Amino acid sequence: MEETIAGTQAAQIPQQRGESLLETAVRYAEERHWDVFPGTWLEAVDGTQRCACGDASCPAPGAHPARPDWATQATGSATVARRMWQKQPTASILLPTGRTFDALSVPESAGFLALARMERMELTLGPVTLAPDRRMHFFVLPGACAKVPELVRTLGWSLSSLDLVALGEGAYVAAPPTRFGSRGAVQWVRRPTPANRWLPDAEEVISPLAYACGRDR
């Protein structure tokens, strides 16, 4: 069952309800063939939700890797994923980038501006997430990290002047319905469907993203 958040921009974002983290992680591996790995989780401490890492000032409570070797722990096997989440059912779902996809991370305001522009351009989009830290992540084909700096320069921008980050090998994104402490859960702005199984190349979406980030400065 899907519900939408009240509000203007947020009204278009479906919420995931009624599905456990274990079931969702298994589905990502089984249906999308994405590698997944369990991150930290939230624990109640004196009535407050704290990150299992023990850091009271954790910037991403319950939504970051639980161990330094997380990259070797990531799996595309639904069976292995099920086994890992059975050990810690409340662990966050993290997706390593640089494997089946890279992600272009932009501020929420720029992301919605870019989405409106992409729809007018009738661009084919991949999945897009919105995290409680107000960052949107556009899933694109692997290799974006190497291309983005030159693509942005070609458009007349300096990458250092834009709040646009390409996440590739060695990085990760948190997947819905992972929660960031009390700030809420990661949600799909554009959820995975059979229609967006084939991801766009960074070159196809970089122009509206760079333009939106430039406007958002």
N, C-alpha and C. Protein backbone atom coordinates (compact mmCIF):
# COMPACT_ATOMS: atom_id res chain seq x y z
N MET A 1 0.85 -1.20 0.00
CA MET A 1 0.00 0.00 0.00
C MET A 1 0.88 1.24 0.00
N GLU A 2 0.51 2.23 -0.81
CA GLU A 2 1.29 3.46 -0.89
C GLU A 2 0.47 4.63 -0.39
N GLU A 3 1.15 5.54 0.28
CA GLU A 3 0.52 6.77 0.70
C GLU A 3 1.43 7.90 0.27
N THR A 4 0.92 9.10 0.20
CA THR A 4 1.76 10.23 -0.16
C THR A 4 1.84 11.19 1.00
N ILE A 5 2.94 11.93 1.05
CA ILE A 5 3.16 12.90 2.11
C ILE A 5 2.39 14.17 1.77
N ALA A 6 1.79 14.77 2.78
CA ALA A 6 1.10 16.03 2.54
C ALA A 6 2.13 17.10 2.23
N GLY A 7 1.79 18.02 1.36
CA GLY A 7 2.72 19.10 1.03
C GLY A 7 2.74 19.32 -0.46
N THR A 8 3.52 20.28 -0.90
CA THR A 8 3.55 20.63 -2.31
C THR A 8 4.46 19.70 -3.08
N GLN A 9 5.78 19.90 -2.98
CA GLN A 9 6.70 19.03 -3.70
C GLN A 9 6.62 17.60 -3.19
N ALA A 10 6.53 17.43 -1.86
CA ALA A 10 6.59 16.10 -1.28
C ALA A 10 5.37 15.26 -1.59
N ALA A 11 4.30 15.88 -2.08
CA ALA A 11 3.06 15.14 -2.30
C ALA A 11 3.21 14.05 -3.35
N GLN A 12 4.22 14.17 -4.21
CA GLN A 12 4.37 13.17 -5.26
C GLN A 12 5.23 11.98 -4.82
N ILE A 13 5.72 11.99 -3.62
CA ILE A 13 6.65 10.94 -3.19
C ILE A 13 5.90 9.83 -2.46
N PRO A 14 5.88 8.60 -3.02
CA PRO A 14 5.18 7.50 -2.36
C PRO A 14 5.94 7.00 -1.15
N GLN A 15 5.23 6.64 -0.11
CA GLN A 15 5.84 6.03 1.06
C GLN A 15 5.68 4.51 0.99
N GLN A 16 6.69 3.80 1.46
CA GLN A 16 6.60 2.36 1.54
C GLN A 16 6.05 1.96 2.89
N ARG A 17 5.03 1.17 2.88
CA ARG A 17 4.42 0.73 4.13
C ARG A 17 4.21 -0.79 4.06
N GLY A 18 4.26 -1.41 5.22
CA GLY A 18 3.86 -2.81 5.32
C GLY A 18 4.88 -3.82 4.84
N GLU A 19 6.09 -3.40 4.55
CA GLU A 19 7.11 -4.33 4.08
C GLU A 19 8.33 -4.22 4.99
N SER A 20 8.82 -5.35 5.48
CA SER A 20 9.95 -5.32 6.39
C SER A 20 11.24 -4.98 5.65
N LEU A 21 12.24 -4.57 6.43
CA LEU A 21 13.54 -4.30 5.84
C LEU A 21 14.10 -5.55 5.19
N LEU A 22 13.92 -6.68 5.82
CA LEU A 22 14.41 -7.94 5.26
C LEU A 22 13.76 -8.21 3.91
N GLU A 23 12.43 -8.11 3.85
CA GLU A 23 11.72 -8.38 2.59
C GLU A 23 12.16 -7.41 1.50
N THR A 24 12.35 -6.16 1.88
CA THR A 24 12.73 -5.15 0.89
C THR A 24 14.14 -5.39 0.38
N ALA A 25 15.08 -5.69 1.27
CA ALA A 25 16.46 -5.95 0.85
C ALA A 25 16.52 -7.15 -0.10
N VAL A 26 15.77 -8.19 0.24
CA VAL A 26 15.73 -9.38 -0.62
C VAL A 26 15.16 -9.04 -1.99
N ARG A 27 14.13 -8.21 -2.01
CA ARG A 27 13.50 -7.84 -3.28
C ARG A 27 14.45 -7.02 -4.15
N TYR A 28 15.22 -6.11 -3.53
CA TYR A 28 16.18 -5.34 -4.32
C TYR A 28 17.20 -6.27 -5.00
N ALA A 29 17.67 -7.26 -4.26
CA ALA A 29 18.65 -8.19 -4.82
C ALA A 29 18.01 -9.10 -5.87
N GLU A 30 16.79 -9.54 -5.58
CA GLU A 30 16.13 -10.53 -6.43
C GLU A 30 15.57 -9.92 -7.70
N GLU A 31 14.91 -8.76 -7.55
CA GLU A 31 14.20 -8.19 -8.69
C GLU A 31 15.04 -7.19 -9.49
N ARG A 32 15.88 -6.42 -8.79
CA ARG A 32 16.69 -5.42 -9.49
C ARG A 32 18.13 -5.85 -9.70
N HIS A 33 18.52 -6.96 -9.05
CA HIS A 33 19.91 -7.45 -9.12
C HIS A 33 20.89 -6.41 -8.60
N TRP A 34 20.45 -5.64 -7.59
CA TRP A 34 21.33 -4.69 -6.91
C TRP A 34 22.06 -5.38 -5.77
N ASP A 35 23.33 -5.05 -5.59
CA ASP A 35 24.03 -5.49 -4.39
C ASP A 35 23.47 -4.72 -3.19
N VAL A 36 23.35 -5.40 -2.07
CA VAL A 36 22.84 -4.77 -0.85
C VAL A 36 23.76 -5.18 0.31
N PHE A 37 23.78 -4.35 1.35
CA PHE A 37 24.47 -4.76 2.58
C PHE A 37 23.81 -4.07 3.77
N PRO A 38 23.77 -4.73 4.92
CA PRO A 38 23.13 -4.15 6.09
C PRO A 38 24.04 -3.12 6.76
N GLY A 39 23.44 -1.99 7.11
CA GLY A 39 24.18 -0.95 7.81
C GLY A 39 23.86 -0.96 9.29
N THR A 40 24.02 0.18 9.92
CA THR A 40 23.68 0.30 11.34
C THR A 40 22.16 0.30 11.50
N TRP A 41 21.71 0.39 12.74
CA TRP A 41 20.28 0.37 13.03
C TRP A 41 20.03 1.30 14.20
N LEU A 42 18.78 1.50 14.52
CA LEU A 42 18.42 2.41 15.60
C LEU A 42 18.10 1.63 16.87
N GLU A 43 18.53 2.17 18.00
CA GLU A 43 18.25 1.56 19.31
C GLU A 43 17.66 2.64 20.23
N ALA A 44 16.71 2.25 21.04
CA ALA A 44 16.09 3.19 21.99
C ALA A 44 17.00 3.35 23.21
N VAL A 45 17.45 4.58 23.45
CA VAL A 45 18.30 4.90 24.61
C VAL A 45 17.65 6.05 25.36
N ASP A 46 17.17 5.76 26.56
CA ASP A 46 16.48 6.78 27.38
C ASP A 46 15.34 7.44 26.61
N GLY A 47 14.62 6.61 25.89
CA GLY A 47 13.46 7.12 25.15
C GLY A 47 13.79 7.81 23.85
N THR A 48 15.07 7.82 23.47
CA THR A 48 15.50 8.47 22.23
C THR A 48 16.10 7.43 21.28
N GLN A 49 15.81 7.57 19.99
CA GLN A 49 16.37 6.66 19.00
C GLN A 49 17.81 7.05 18.71
N ARG A 50 18.74 6.19 19.05
CA ARG A 50 20.17 6.43 18.82
C ARG A 50 20.72 5.42 17.84
N CYS A 51 21.80 5.82 17.17
CA CYS A 51 22.45 4.91 16.22
C CYS A 51 23.19 3.82 16.96
N ALA A 52 23.16 2.62 16.42
CA ALA A 52 23.84 1.49 17.03
C ALA A 52 25.35 1.67 17.08
N CYS A 53 25.90 2.67 16.34
CA CYS A 53 27.34 2.90 16.37
C CYS A 53 27.78 3.48 17.71
N GLY A 54 26.84 4.00 18.49
CA GLY A 54 27.16 4.53 19.80
C GLY A 54 27.52 5.99 19.84
N ASP A 55 27.62 6.64 18.68
CA ASP A 55 27.96 8.06 18.63
C ASP A 55 26.68 8.88 18.79
N ALA A 56 26.57 9.60 19.89
CA ALA A 56 25.36 10.38 20.17
C ALA A 56 25.15 11.49 19.14
N SER A 57 26.22 11.92 18.48
CA SER A 57 26.10 12.98 17.48
C SER A 57 26.25 12.44 16.06
N CYS A 58 25.93 11.16 15.86
CA CYS A 58 26.06 10.52 14.55
C CYS A 58 25.29 11.32 13.49
N PRO A 59 25.93 11.71 12.39
CA PRO A 59 25.26 12.53 11.37
C PRO A 59 24.22 11.78 10.56
N ALA A 60 24.31 10.45 10.52
CA ALA A 60 23.33 9.65 9.78
C ALA A 60 22.92 8.46 10.64
N PRO A 61 22.23 8.73 11.76
CA PRO A 61 21.90 7.65 12.70
C PRO A 61 21.07 6.53 12.08
N GLY A 62 21.62 5.31 12.17
CA GLY A 62 20.93 4.15 11.62
C GLY A 62 21.01 4.03 10.12
N ALA A 63 21.90 4.78 9.48
CA ALA A 63 21.92 4.77 8.01
C ALA A 63 23.32 4.87 7.44
N HIS A 64 24.27 4.17 8.04
CA HIS A 64 25.63 4.14 7.51
C HIS A 64 26.23 2.76 7.75
N PRO A 65 27.34 2.41 7.11
CA PRO A 65 27.92 1.08 7.29
C PRO A 65 28.23 0.77 8.74
N ALA A 66 28.05 -0.48 9.11
CA ALA A 66 28.30 -0.91 10.48
C ALA A 66 29.72 -1.44 10.65
N ARG A 67 30.43 -1.66 9.56
CA ARG A 67 31.77 -2.21 9.63
C ARG A 67 32.62 -1.66 8.49
N PRO A 68 33.93 -1.57 8.68
CA PRO A 68 34.79 -0.96 7.67
C PRO A 68 34.90 -1.76 6.38
N ASP A 69 34.67 -3.07 6.45
CA ASP A 69 34.79 -3.91 5.25
C ASP A 69 33.45 -4.10 4.55
N TRP A 70 32.58 -3.08 4.62
CA TRP A 70 31.24 -3.21 4.07
C TRP A 70 31.23 -3.55 2.59
N ALA A 71 32.23 -3.07 1.85
CA ALA A 71 32.25 -3.30 0.41
C ALA A 71 32.36 -4.79 0.08
N THR A 72 33.07 -5.55 0.90
CA THR A 72 33.19 -6.98 0.66
C THR A 72 31.98 -7.75 1.18
N GLN A 73 31.20 -7.10 2.02
CA GLN A 73 30.01 -7.73 2.58
C GLN A 73 28.81 -7.63 1.63
N ALA A 74 28.81 -6.64 0.74
CA ALA A 74 27.69 -6.41 -0.15
C ALA A 74 27.46 -7.62 -1.05
N THR A 75 26.20 -7.97 -1.26
CA THR A 75 25.85 -9.16 -2.03
C THR A 75 24.67 -8.90 -2.96
N GLY A 76 24.69 -9.57 -4.08
CA GLY A 76 23.55 -9.53 -4.99
C GLY A 76 22.71 -10.78 -4.89
N SER A 77 23.04 -11.63 -3.92
CA SER A 77 22.30 -12.88 -3.72
C SER A 77 21.14 -12.65 -2.77
N ALA A 78 19.93 -12.98 -3.21
CA ALA A 78 18.76 -12.83 -2.35
C ALA A 78 18.86 -13.75 -1.14
N THR A 79 19.44 -14.93 -1.33
CA THR A 79 19.58 -15.90 -0.23
C THR A 79 20.52 -15.36 0.84
N VAL A 80 21.65 -14.81 0.42
CA VAL A 80 22.62 -14.26 1.37
C VAL A 80 22.04 -13.02 2.05
N ALA A 81 21.34 -12.20 1.29
CA ALA A 81 20.73 -11.00 1.87
C ALA A 81 19.73 -11.40 2.95
N ARG A 82 18.92 -12.40 2.68
CA ARG A 82 17.94 -12.86 3.67
C ARG A 82 18.65 -13.31 4.94
N ARG A 83 19.75 -14.01 4.79
CA ARG A 83 20.50 -14.52 5.94
C ARG A 83 21.07 -13.36 6.76
N MET A 84 21.58 -12.32 6.07
CA MET A 84 22.19 -11.20 6.79
C MET A 84 21.14 -10.41 7.58
N TRP A 85 19.98 -10.17 6.98
CA TRP A 85 18.96 -9.40 7.69
C TRP A 85 18.23 -10.22 8.74
N GLN A 86 18.28 -11.54 8.62
CA GLN A 86 17.72 -12.37 9.69
C GLN A 86 18.55 -12.23 10.97
N LYS A 87 19.86 -11.96 10.80
CA LYS A 87 20.72 -11.76 11.97
C LYS A 87 20.44 -10.42 12.63
N GLN A 88 20.10 -9.40 11.85
CA GLN A 88 19.81 -8.07 12.39
C GLN A 88 18.65 -7.47 11.58
N PRO A 89 17.40 -7.82 11.92
CA PRO A 89 16.23 -7.43 11.12
C PRO A 89 16.00 -5.93 11.00
N THR A 90 16.56 -5.14 11.92
CA THR A 90 16.32 -3.69 11.86
C THR A 90 17.48 -2.93 11.21
N ALA A 91 18.44 -3.66 10.65
CA ALA A 91 19.58 -2.99 9.99
C ALA A 91 19.11 -2.21 8.77
N SER A 92 19.73 -1.06 8.54
CA SER A 92 19.40 -0.25 7.36
C SER A 92 19.80 -0.99 6.09
N ILE A 93 19.19 -0.58 4.98
CA ILE A 93 19.51 -1.16 3.67
C ILE A 93 20.39 -0.17 2.92
N LEU A 94 21.62 -0.56 2.65
CA LEU A 94 22.56 0.29 1.93
C LEU A 94 22.91 -0.35 0.59
N LEU A 95 23.06 0.46 -0.42
CA LEU A 95 23.36 0.00 -1.78
C LEU A 95 24.70 0.58 -2.22
N PRO A 96 25.70 -0.26 -2.50
CA PRO A 96 26.98 0.27 -2.96
C PRO A 96 26.85 0.83 -4.37
N THR A 97 27.42 1.99 -4.61
CA THR A 97 27.45 2.56 -5.96
C THR A 97 28.71 2.09 -6.67
N GLY A 98 28.74 2.31 -7.99
CA GLY A 98 29.90 1.89 -8.77
C GLY A 98 29.83 0.46 -9.24
N ARG A 99 28.71 -0.19 -9.02
CA ARG A 99 28.55 -1.59 -9.45
C ARG A 99 27.47 -1.66 -10.52
N THR A 100 26.22 -1.81 -10.13
CA THR A 100 25.14 -1.83 -11.12
C THR A 100 24.64 -0.42 -11.43
N PHE A 101 25.00 0.54 -10.62
CA PHE A 101 24.63 1.93 -10.89
C PHE A 101 25.56 2.87 -10.14
N ASP A 102 25.65 4.11 -10.64
CA ASP A 102 26.22 5.23 -9.90
C ASP A 102 25.05 6.11 -9.49
N ALA A 103 25.29 7.10 -8.65
CA ALA A 103 24.22 8.01 -8.24
C ALA A 103 24.72 9.44 -8.30
N LEU A 104 23.87 10.32 -8.81
CA LEU A 104 24.17 11.75 -8.83
C LEU A 104 23.38 12.39 -7.70
N SER A 105 24.08 12.94 -6.72
CA SER A 105 23.48 13.49 -5.50
C SER A 105 23.40 15.01 -5.59
N VAL A 106 22.18 15.54 -5.37
CA VAL A 106 21.97 16.98 -5.43
C VAL A 106 21.05 17.40 -4.28
N PRO A 107 21.01 18.68 -3.92
CA PRO A 107 20.08 19.13 -2.88
C PRO A 107 18.64 18.89 -3.31
N GLU A 108 17.77 18.70 -2.34
CA GLU A 108 16.36 18.43 -2.62
C GLU A 108 15.73 19.48 -3.54
N SER A 109 15.95 20.76 -3.24
CA SER A 109 15.33 21.83 -4.03
C SER A 109 15.78 21.77 -5.49
N ALA A 110 17.09 21.53 -5.71
CA ALA A 110 17.60 21.42 -7.07
C ALA A 110 17.06 20.17 -7.75
N GLY A 111 16.91 19.11 -6.97
CA GLY A 111 16.42 17.85 -7.52
C GLY A 111 15.01 17.97 -8.08
N PHE A 112 14.12 18.64 -7.34
CA PHE A 112 12.76 18.80 -7.83
C PHE A 112 12.70 19.73 -9.04
N LEU A 113 13.55 20.76 -9.03
CA LEU A 113 13.62 21.65 -10.19
C LEU A 113 14.09 20.88 -11.42
N ALA A 114 15.11 20.04 -11.23
CA ALA A 114 15.63 19.24 -12.34
C ALA A 114 14.59 18.24 -12.84
N LEU A 115 13.86 17.63 -11.91
CA LEU A 115 12.83 16.66 -12.31
C LEU A 115 11.77 17.31 -13.19
N ALA A 116 11.33 18.50 -12.82
CA ALA A 116 10.33 19.19 -13.63
C ALA A 116 10.87 19.48 -15.03
N ARG A 117 12.13 19.87 -15.09
CA ARG A 117 12.76 20.15 -16.38
C ARG A 117 12.91 18.87 -17.20
N MET A 118 13.29 17.77 -16.55
CA MET A 118 13.46 16.49 -17.24
C MET A 118 12.13 15.99 -17.81
N GLU A 119 11.04 16.21 -17.05
CA GLU A 119 9.72 15.78 -17.54
C GLU A 119 9.32 16.57 -18.77
N ARG A 120 9.61 17.87 -18.78
CA ARG A 120 9.31 18.68 -19.96
C ARG A 120 10.14 18.23 -21.16
N MET A 121 11.37 17.77 -20.88
CA MET A 121 12.26 17.29 -21.94
C MET A 121 11.94 15.85 -22.34
N GLU A 122 11.02 15.22 -21.59
CA GLU A 122 10.61 13.83 -21.82
C GLU A 122 11.81 12.88 -21.75
N LEU A 123 12.67 13.12 -20.76
CA LEU A 123 13.82 12.25 -20.56
C LEU A 123 13.39 10.98 -19.83
N THR A 124 14.03 9.89 -20.14
CA THR A 124 13.79 8.63 -19.44
C THR A 124 14.66 8.59 -18.20
N LEU A 125 14.03 8.48 -17.03
CA LEU A 125 14.76 8.49 -15.77
C LEU A 125 14.88 7.11 -15.17
N GLY A 126 15.93 6.93 -14.36
CA GLY A 126 16.03 5.75 -13.53
C GLY A 126 15.38 6.04 -12.19
N PRO A 127 15.55 5.15 -11.22
CA PRO A 127 15.02 5.41 -9.87
C PRO A 127 15.67 6.67 -9.27
N VAL A 128 14.92 7.34 -8.41
CA VAL A 128 15.39 8.55 -7.72
C VAL A 128 14.94 8.46 -6.26
N THR A 129 15.85 8.70 -5.32
CA THR A 129 15.49 8.69 -3.91
C THR A 129 15.59 10.08 -3.31
N LEU A 130 14.87 10.26 -2.20
CA LEU A 130 14.99 11.46 -1.39
C LEU A 130 15.27 11.02 0.04
N ALA A 131 16.39 11.49 0.61
CA ALA A 131 16.78 11.11 1.97
C ALA A 131 16.41 12.23 2.95
N PRO A 132 16.27 11.90 4.23
CA PRO A 132 15.94 12.90 5.24
C PRO A 132 16.99 14.00 5.40
N ASP A 133 18.18 13.80 4.87
CA ASP A 133 19.19 14.87 4.92
C ASP A 133 19.00 15.87 3.78
N ARG A 134 17.84 15.74 3.10
CA ARG A 134 17.43 16.64 2.03
C ARG A 134 18.33 16.54 0.81
N ARG A 135 18.79 15.32 0.52
CA ARG A 135 19.55 15.05 -0.69
C ARG A 135 18.76 14.10 -1.57
N MET A 136 18.75 14.38 -2.88
CA MET A 136 18.13 13.48 -3.84
C MET A 136 19.23 12.76 -4.61
N HIS A 137 18.97 11.49 -4.92
CA HIS A 137 19.96 10.67 -5.63
C HIS A 137 19.33 10.11 -6.90
N PHE A 138 19.91 10.47 -8.03
CA PHE A 138 19.46 10.01 -9.34
C PHE A 138 20.33 8.83 -9.77
N PHE A 139 19.73 7.66 -9.97
CA PHE A 139 20.49 6.47 -10.35
C PHE A 139 20.79 6.53 -11.85
N VAL A 140 22.07 6.34 -12.19
CA VAL A 140 22.52 6.37 -13.58
C VAL A 140 23.46 5.19 -13.81
N LEU A 141 23.85 4.99 -15.06
CA LEU A 141 24.77 3.90 -15.38
C LEU A 141 26.11 4.09 -14.67
N PRO A 142 26.78 2.98 -14.33
CA PRO A 142 28.12 3.09 -13.73
C PRO A 142 29.06 3.86 -14.65
N GLY A 143 30.05 4.50 -14.05
CA GLY A 143 31.03 5.27 -14.82
C GLY A 143 30.79 6.76 -14.78
N ALA A 144 29.74 7.18 -14.07
CA ALA A 144 29.39 8.60 -14.02
C ALA A 144 30.50 9.44 -13.37
N CYS A 145 31.15 8.88 -12.35
CA CYS A 145 32.18 9.64 -11.64
C CYS A 145 33.27 10.14 -12.57
N ALA A 146 33.64 9.31 -13.53
CA ALA A 146 34.71 9.69 -14.45
C ALA A 146 34.25 10.72 -15.47
N LYS A 147 32.96 10.70 -15.79
CA LYS A 147 32.44 11.58 -16.84
C LYS A 147 31.99 12.95 -16.36
N VAL A 148 31.44 13.01 -15.16
CA VAL A 148 30.74 14.21 -14.70
C VAL A 148 31.61 15.48 -14.71
N PRO A 149 32.85 15.46 -14.23
CA PRO A 149 33.62 16.71 -14.24
C PRO A 149 33.74 17.34 -15.62
N GLU A 150 34.05 16.54 -16.63
CA GLU A 150 34.19 17.08 -17.98
C GLU A 150 32.83 17.49 -18.56
N LEU A 151 31.79 16.71 -18.27
CA LEU A 151 30.45 17.07 -18.75
C LEU A 151 30.02 18.42 -18.19
N VAL A 152 30.29 18.64 -16.91
CA VAL A 152 29.91 19.90 -16.28
C VAL A 152 30.72 21.06 -16.86
N ARG A 153 32.01 20.83 -17.10
CA ARG A 153 32.85 21.89 -17.70
C ARG A 153 32.34 22.25 -19.09
N THR A 154 31.93 21.24 -19.86
CA THR A 154 31.41 21.47 -21.21
C THR A 154 30.16 22.35 -21.18
N LEU A 155 29.40 22.24 -20.08
CA LEU A 155 28.18 23.05 -19.94
C LEU A 155 28.48 24.45 -19.42
N GLY A 156 29.75 24.71 -19.13
CA GLY A 156 30.14 26.05 -18.70
C GLY A 156 30.18 26.24 -17.20
N TRP A 157 30.15 25.14 -16.46
CA TRP A 157 30.19 25.22 -15.00
C TRP A 157 31.50 24.64 -14.47
N SER A 158 31.85 25.02 -13.28
CA SER A 158 32.93 24.36 -12.54
C SER A 158 32.26 23.44 -11.54
N LEU A 159 32.68 22.18 -11.49
CA LEU A 159 32.03 21.23 -10.58
C LEU A 159 32.14 21.69 -9.13
N SER A 160 33.24 22.36 -8.80
CA SER A 160 33.43 22.83 -7.43
C SER A 160 32.44 23.93 -7.05
N SER A 161 31.84 24.56 -8.05
CA SER A 161 30.89 25.63 -7.78
C SER A 161 29.46 25.11 -7.64
N LEU A 162 29.24 23.83 -7.92
CA LEU A 162 27.91 23.24 -7.86
C LEU A 162 27.83 22.21 -6.74
N ASP A 163 26.69 22.14 -6.09
CA ASP A 163 26.48 21.10 -5.06
C ASP A 163 25.94 19.86 -5.76
N LEU A 164 26.78 19.28 -6.60
CA LEU A 164 26.44 18.08 -7.37
C LEU A 164 27.57 17.07 -7.16
N VAL A 165 27.23 15.91 -6.61
CA VAL A 165 28.25 14.92 -6.26
C VAL A 165 27.94 13.61 -6.98
N ALA A 166 28.92 13.07 -7.68
CA ALA A 166 28.77 11.77 -8.32
C ALA A 166 29.31 10.69 -7.38
N LEU A 167 28.48 9.72 -7.08
CA LEU A 167 28.85 8.62 -6.18
C LEU A 167 29.10 7.37 -7.01
N GLY A 168 30.33 6.86 -6.92
CA GLY A 168 30.69 5.67 -7.67
C GLY A 168 31.33 4.63 -6.77
N GLU A 169 32.37 3.98 -7.27
CA GLU A 169 33.03 2.92 -6.52
C GLU A 169 33.53 3.43 -5.16
N GLY A 170 33.23 2.67 -4.11
CA GLY A 170 33.66 3.03 -2.77
C GLY A 170 32.64 3.85 -1.99
N ALA A 171 31.53 4.20 -2.65
CA ALA A 171 30.48 4.96 -1.97
C ALA A 171 29.20 4.12 -1.92
N TYR A 172 28.15 4.70 -1.34
CA TYR A 172 26.89 3.96 -1.20
C TYR A 172 25.75 4.96 -1.03
N VAL A 173 24.54 4.47 -1.21
CA VAL A 173 23.35 5.26 -0.90
C VAL A 173 22.46 4.41 0.01
N ALA A 174 21.69 5.10 0.86
CA ALA A 174 20.71 4.41 1.69
C ALA A 174 19.44 4.23 0.88
N ALA A 175 18.84 3.04 0.98
CA ALA A 175 17.66 2.73 0.19
C ALA A 175 16.40 2.77 1.05
N PRO A 176 15.27 3.14 0.46
CA PRO A 176 14.00 3.06 1.18
C PRO A 176 13.76 1.64 1.68
N PRO A 177 13.18 1.46 2.87
CA PRO A 177 12.64 2.48 3.78
C PRO A 177 13.58 2.79 4.96
N THR A 178 14.89 2.77 4.73
CA THR A 178 15.87 3.07 5.78
C THR A 178 15.55 4.40 6.46
N ARG A 179 15.67 4.43 7.79
CA ARG A 179 15.38 5.64 8.56
C ARG A 179 16.67 6.33 9.00
N PHE A 180 16.64 7.67 9.02
CA PHE A 180 17.72 8.49 9.55
C PHE A 180 17.27 8.97 10.93
N GLY A 181 17.43 8.16 11.93
CA GLY A 181 17.02 8.56 13.28
C GLY A 181 15.58 9.02 13.32
N SER A 182 15.35 10.17 13.97
CA SER A 182 14.00 10.71 14.08
C SER A 182 13.63 11.61 12.92
N ARG A 183 14.57 11.74 11.95
CA ARG A 183 14.32 12.67 10.84
C ARG A 183 13.42 12.08 9.76
N GLY A 184 13.16 10.79 9.81
CA GLY A 184 12.29 10.18 8.82
C GLY A 184 13.02 9.13 7.99
N ALA A 185 12.34 8.65 6.96
CA ALA A 185 12.86 7.55 6.15
C ALA A 185 13.22 8.01 4.74
N VAL A 186 14.16 7.30 4.14
CA VAL A 186 14.46 7.49 2.72
C VAL A 186 13.23 7.03 1.93
N GLN A 187 12.89 7.77 0.89
CA GLN A 187 11.71 7.43 0.09
C GLN A 187 12.03 7.50 -1.40
N TRP A 188 11.20 6.84 -2.18
CA TRP A 188 11.34 6.90 -3.63
C TRP A 188 10.61 8.13 -4.16
N VAL A 189 11.30 8.94 -4.92
CA VAL A 189 10.66 9.98 -5.71
C VAL A 189 10.22 9.35 -7.03
N ARG A 190 11.08 8.51 -7.59
CA ARG A 190 10.76 7.67 -8.74
C ARG A 190 11.14 6.26 -8.35
N ARG A 191 10.15 5.43 -8.06
CA ARG A 191 10.46 4.10 -7.56
C ARG A 191 10.89 3.17 -8.69
N PRO A 192 11.62 2.09 -8.37
CA PRO A 192 12.03 1.13 -9.39
C PRO A 192 10.82 0.45 -10.02
N THR A 193 10.77 0.43 -11.33
CA THR A 193 9.69 -0.24 -12.06
C THR A 193 10.31 -0.96 -13.26
N PRO A 194 9.57 -1.85 -13.91
CA PRO A 194 10.10 -2.47 -15.13
C PRO A 194 10.47 -1.43 -16.19
N ALA A 195 9.78 -0.29 -16.19
CA ALA A 195 10.02 0.74 -17.21
C ALA A 195 11.37 1.43 -17.04
N ASN A 196 11.90 1.48 -15.80
CA ASN A 196 13.19 2.17 -15.62
C ASN A 196 14.31 1.21 -15.23
N ARG A 197 14.14 -0.05 -15.63
CA ARG A 197 15.21 -1.03 -15.35
C ARG A 197 16.49 -0.64 -16.07
N TRP A 198 16.36 -0.07 -17.27
CA TRP A 198 17.53 0.37 -18.02
C TRP A 198 17.82 1.81 -17.65
N LEU A 199 18.97 2.04 -17.05
CA LEU A 199 19.29 3.35 -16.49
C LEU A 199 19.82 4.31 -17.55
N PRO A 200 19.60 5.61 -17.34
CA PRO A 200 20.18 6.58 -18.26
C PRO A 200 21.67 6.75 -18.01
N ASP A 201 22.37 7.22 -19.01
CA ASP A 201 23.77 7.59 -18.84
C ASP A 201 23.82 8.97 -18.19
N ALA A 202 24.88 9.25 -17.44
CA ALA A 202 25.01 10.56 -16.80
C ALA A 202 24.88 11.69 -17.80
N GLU A 203 25.37 11.47 -19.02
CA GLU A 203 25.33 12.51 -20.05
C GLU A 203 23.90 12.94 -20.38
N GLU A 204 22.93 12.00 -20.21
CA GLU A 204 21.55 12.29 -20.56
C GLU A 204 20.86 13.20 -19.55
N VAL A 205 21.32 13.20 -18.31
CA VAL A 205 20.63 13.96 -17.26
C VAL A 205 21.46 15.09 -16.65
N ILE A 206 22.73 15.19 -17.05
CA ILE A 206 23.61 16.14 -16.38
C ILE A 206 23.22 17.59 -16.66
N SER A 207 22.70 17.90 -17.83
CA SER A 207 22.36 19.28 -18.16
C SER A 207 21.28 19.84 -17.24
N PRO A 208 20.12 19.18 -17.09
CA PRO A 208 19.11 19.73 -16.17
C PRO A 208 19.56 19.71 -14.71
N LEU A 209 20.37 18.74 -14.32
CA LEU A 209 20.87 18.70 -12.94
C LEU A 209 21.83 19.85 -12.67
N ALA A 210 22.76 20.07 -13.59
CA ALA A 210 23.72 21.16 -13.42
C ALA A 210 23.01 22.51 -13.43
N TYR A 211 22.06 22.67 -14.34
CA TYR A 211 21.30 23.93 -14.41
C TYR A 211 20.56 24.18 -13.09
N ALA A 212 19.92 23.13 -12.56
CA ALA A 212 19.15 23.28 -11.32
C ALA A 212 20.08 23.59 -10.15
N CYS A 213 21.24 22.94 -10.10
CA CYS A 213 22.18 23.21 -9.01
C CYS A 213 22.74 24.64 -9.13
N GLY A 214 22.93 25.10 -10.35
CA GLY A 214 23.40 26.47 -10.55
C GLY A 214 22.38 27.48 -10.08
N ARG A 215 21.11 27.21 -10.34
CA ARG A 215 20.02 28.09 -9.89
C ARG A 215 19.87 28.04 -8.38
N ASP A 216 20.26 26.91 -7.78
CA ASP A 216 20.02 26.66 -6.36
C ASP A 216 21.12 27.23 -5.47
N ARG A 217 22.18 27.78 -6.07
CA ARG A 217 23.32 28.25 -5.28
C ARG A 217 22.94 29.43 -4.39
